[in-house]
Each structure stands twice: as structure tokens, then as C-alpha cells.
Amino acid sequence: MCLTPENVRRIRIEKESIGAIHLEDYSGVLVGGGPSNVSDDETKKPDNQKRFENELKGLLTKITEKDFHF
């Protein structure tokens, strides 16, 4: 199967919450780059960056625990 807009769900986590992700609803997860860096000084990170880093960390934990396609 080819990746087309019709069979891909794109979430811009720097703009919106990823919400509840049920991995069984997907074939795999792709994570692209973004404007932030996890090695940024924690005291200088905006609240939005802290939010999406925490959400992404939670998703990556699920992916690792289930040995999901990443």
C-alpha cells in the first residue's frame, strides 16, 4: 500500500494534542522533525513544547512496549 493523504493521519503535535492514540488502529508511526529540540534548556522551553514533548514521550513508550512499527 502506498502512503497517500487518504490513508495517513497527520498530527502536528506542536500545534495540537495527539490525544488518545490506539496503536491497533494503525500500521505504523512516522515521526518527522520539528522546530524544537529536546536538548533545549528546560527552563527556556515554552509550555507548548513541554506539552508535546511529554505527549511524544508517552507515545514512544507505548511504541517500545508493544514493539510497534516505528
N, C-alpha and C. Protein backbone atom coordinates (compact mmCIF):
# COMPACT_ATOMS: atom_id res chain seq x y z
N MET A 1 0.85 -1.18 0.00
CA MET A 1 0.00 0.00 0.00
C MET A 1 0.90 1.24 0.00
N CYS A 2 0.50 2.20 -0.75
CA CYS A 2 1.22 3.46 -0.87
C CYS A 2 0.71 4.45 0.17
N LEU A 3 1.60 5.25 0.72
CA LEU A 3 1.17 6.29 1.66
C LEU A 3 0.58 7.45 0.88
N THR A 4 -0.72 7.63 1.03
CA THR A 4 -1.42 8.72 0.38
C THR A 4 -2.15 9.52 1.44
N PRO A 5 -2.56 10.73 1.14
CA PRO A 5 -3.29 11.53 2.14
C PRO A 5 -4.52 10.81 2.69
N GLU A 6 -5.11 9.93 1.90
CA GLU A 6 -6.32 9.23 2.34
C GLU A 6 -6.02 8.15 3.38
N ASN A 7 -4.80 7.62 3.42
CA ASN A 7 -4.51 6.57 4.38
C ASN A 7 -3.43 6.95 5.40
N VAL A 8 -3.24 8.24 5.56
CA VAL A 8 -2.29 8.76 6.54
C VAL A 8 -3.00 9.75 7.45
N ARG A 9 -2.74 9.64 8.73
CA ARG A 9 -3.25 10.63 9.67
C ARG A 9 -2.07 11.47 10.13
N ARG A 10 -2.09 12.73 9.81
CA ARG A 10 -1.01 13.64 10.19
C ARG A 10 -1.44 14.47 11.39
N ILE A 11 -0.57 14.49 12.38
CA ILE A 11 -0.84 15.29 13.58
C ILE A 11 0.35 16.23 13.77
N ARG A 12 0.07 17.50 13.81
CA ARG A 12 1.12 18.50 14.07
C ARG A 12 1.15 18.74 15.57
N ILE A 13 1.95 17.93 16.30
CA ILE A 13 1.89 17.97 17.76
C ILE A 13 2.38 19.28 18.35
N GLU A 14 3.08 20.07 17.55
CA GLU A 14 3.46 21.38 18.08
C GLU A 14 2.28 22.34 18.04
N LYS A 15 1.21 21.93 17.33
CA LYS A 15 0.02 22.78 17.20
C LYS A 15 -1.21 22.20 17.90
N GLU A 16 -1.26 20.87 18.06
CA GLU A 16 -2.44 20.24 18.66
C GLU A 16 -2.02 19.02 19.46
N SER A 17 -2.82 18.66 20.42
CA SER A 17 -2.56 17.47 21.23
C SER A 17 -2.74 16.21 20.38
N ILE A 18 -1.93 15.20 20.66
CA ILE A 18 -2.10 13.95 19.92
C ILE A 18 -3.29 13.16 20.45
N GLY A 19 -3.76 13.50 21.63
CA GLY A 19 -4.93 12.83 22.18
C GLY A 19 -4.66 11.36 22.44
N ALA A 20 -5.71 10.58 22.51
CA ALA A 20 -5.58 9.14 22.75
C ALA A 20 -5.25 8.44 21.44
N ILE A 21 -4.10 7.82 21.39
CA ILE A 21 -3.69 7.06 20.21
C ILE A 21 -3.79 5.57 20.55
N HIS A 22 -4.57 4.86 19.77
CA HIS A 22 -4.71 3.42 19.92
C HIS A 22 -3.90 2.78 18.80
N LEU A 23 -2.74 2.26 19.14
CA LEU A 23 -1.82 1.75 18.13
C LEU A 23 -2.44 0.67 17.25
N GLU A 24 -3.39 -0.09 17.80
CA GLU A 24 -4.02 -1.14 16.99
C GLU A 24 -4.81 -0.58 15.81
N ASP A 25 -5.07 0.72 15.82
CA ASP A 25 -5.77 1.36 14.70
C ASP A 25 -4.83 1.77 13.56
N TYR A 26 -3.54 1.52 13.74
CA TYR A 26 -2.54 1.99 12.77
C TYR A 26 -1.61 0.86 12.35
N SER A 27 -0.96 1.06 11.21
CA SER A 27 0.04 0.11 10.72
C SER A 27 1.44 0.48 11.20
N GLY A 28 1.65 1.73 11.53
CA GLY A 28 2.95 2.20 11.98
C GLY A 28 2.89 3.67 12.32
N VAL A 29 3.98 4.16 12.88
CA VAL A 29 4.08 5.57 13.28
C VAL A 29 5.34 6.15 12.66
N LEU A 30 5.20 7.30 12.02
CA LEU A 30 6.32 8.06 11.50
C LEU A 30 6.41 9.36 12.30
N VAL A 31 7.60 9.73 12.70
CA VAL A 31 7.78 10.99 13.41
C VAL A 31 8.77 11.83 12.62
N GLY A 32 8.33 13.00 12.22
CA GLY A 32 9.19 13.91 11.48
C GLY A 32 9.85 14.91 12.41
N GLY A 33 10.68 15.71 11.86
CA GLY A 33 11.35 16.75 12.62
C GLY A 33 10.43 17.92 12.92
N GLY A 34 10.92 18.84 13.69
CA GLY A 34 10.12 19.99 14.06
C GLY A 34 11.00 21.15 14.50
N PRO A 35 10.37 22.21 14.95
CA PRO A 35 11.10 23.42 15.29
C PRO A 35 11.80 23.37 16.65
N SER A 36 11.56 22.33 17.43
CA SER A 36 12.10 22.26 18.79
C SER A 36 13.17 21.20 18.91
N ASN A 37 13.86 21.22 20.03
CA ASN A 37 14.92 20.27 20.29
C ASN A 37 14.81 19.82 21.74
N VAL A 38 14.77 18.51 21.98
CA VAL A 38 14.61 18.01 23.35
C VAL A 38 15.79 18.40 24.23
N SER A 39 16.91 18.76 23.64
CA SER A 39 18.07 19.15 24.45
C SER A 39 18.08 20.65 24.78
N ASP A 40 17.02 21.37 24.36
CA ASP A 40 16.90 22.78 24.75
C ASP A 40 16.90 22.89 26.27
N ASP A 41 17.40 24.00 26.78
CA ASP A 41 17.38 24.26 28.22
C ASP A 41 15.94 24.19 28.72
N GLU A 42 15.69 23.31 29.67
CA GLU A 42 14.33 23.06 30.19
C GLU A 42 13.68 24.35 30.70
N THR A 43 14.45 25.25 31.28
CA THR A 43 13.89 26.49 31.82
C THR A 43 13.48 27.48 30.74
N LYS A 44 13.96 27.26 29.52
CA LYS A 44 13.66 28.17 28.42
C LYS A 44 12.61 27.62 27.45
N LYS A 45 12.17 26.39 27.68
CA LYS A 45 11.18 25.79 26.80
C LYS A 45 9.81 26.42 27.05
N PRO A 46 9.10 26.79 25.99
CA PRO A 46 7.73 27.27 26.19
C PRO A 46 6.82 26.12 26.65
N ASP A 47 5.72 26.46 27.29
CA ASP A 47 4.79 25.45 27.79
C ASP A 47 4.32 24.50 26.70
N ASN A 48 4.10 25.03 25.49
CA ASN A 48 3.65 24.20 24.38
C ASN A 48 4.69 23.11 24.06
N GLN A 49 5.95 23.46 24.07
CA GLN A 49 7.00 22.49 23.79
C GLN A 49 7.03 21.42 24.89
N LYS A 50 6.92 21.83 26.13
CA LYS A 50 6.90 20.87 27.23
C LYS A 50 5.72 19.91 27.09
N ARG A 51 4.56 20.44 26.68
CA ARG A 51 3.37 19.60 26.50
C ARG A 51 3.61 18.54 25.44
N PHE A 52 4.06 18.96 24.24
CA PHE A 52 4.17 17.97 23.18
C PHE A 52 5.33 17.01 23.40
N GLU A 53 6.38 17.44 24.09
CA GLU A 53 7.45 16.51 24.41
C GLU A 53 6.95 15.42 25.35
N ASN A 54 6.12 15.79 26.33
CA ASN A 54 5.54 14.80 27.24
C ASN A 54 4.61 13.84 26.50
N GLU A 55 3.79 14.37 25.61
CA GLU A 55 2.89 13.52 24.83
C GLU A 55 3.67 12.57 23.94
N LEU A 56 4.70 13.07 23.29
CA LEU A 56 5.51 12.23 22.41
C LEU A 56 6.23 11.16 23.22
N LYS A 57 6.74 11.52 24.37
CA LYS A 57 7.41 10.54 25.24
C LYS A 57 6.45 9.41 25.61
N GLY A 58 5.21 9.75 25.93
CA GLY A 58 4.22 8.73 26.26
C GLY A 58 3.94 7.81 25.08
N LEU A 59 3.82 8.40 23.88
CA LEU A 59 3.58 7.60 22.68
C LEU A 59 4.77 6.70 22.40
N LEU A 60 5.98 7.21 22.53
CA LEU A 60 7.17 6.41 22.27
C LEU A 60 7.30 5.26 23.27
N THR A 61 6.86 5.48 24.50
CA THR A 61 6.85 4.41 25.50
C THR A 61 5.91 3.30 25.06
N LYS A 62 4.70 3.65 24.61
CA LYS A 62 3.75 2.65 24.10
C LYS A 62 4.33 1.88 22.93
N ILE A 63 4.95 2.61 22.00
CA ILE A 63 5.53 2.00 20.80
C ILE A 63 6.61 0.98 21.21
N THR A 64 7.44 1.36 22.15
CA THR A 64 8.53 0.48 22.60
C THR A 64 7.98 -0.74 23.32
N GLU A 65 7.02 -0.53 24.22
CA GLU A 65 6.45 -1.64 24.97
C GLU A 65 5.78 -2.68 24.06
N LYS A 66 5.14 -2.21 22.99
CA LYS A 66 4.42 -3.12 22.08
C LYS A 66 5.28 -3.55 20.89
N ASP A 67 6.54 -3.06 20.85
CA ASP A 67 7.42 -3.33 19.71
C ASP A 67 6.69 -3.02 18.40
N PHE A 68 6.08 -1.84 18.37
CA PHE A 68 5.26 -1.39 17.26
C PHE A 68 6.11 -0.81 16.14
N HIS A 69 5.60 -0.89 14.91
CA HIS A 69 6.32 -0.35 13.75
C HIS A 69 6.54 1.15 13.91
N PHE A 70 7.81 1.55 13.82
CA PHE A 70 8.17 2.94 14.04
C PHE A 70 9.20 3.34 13.03
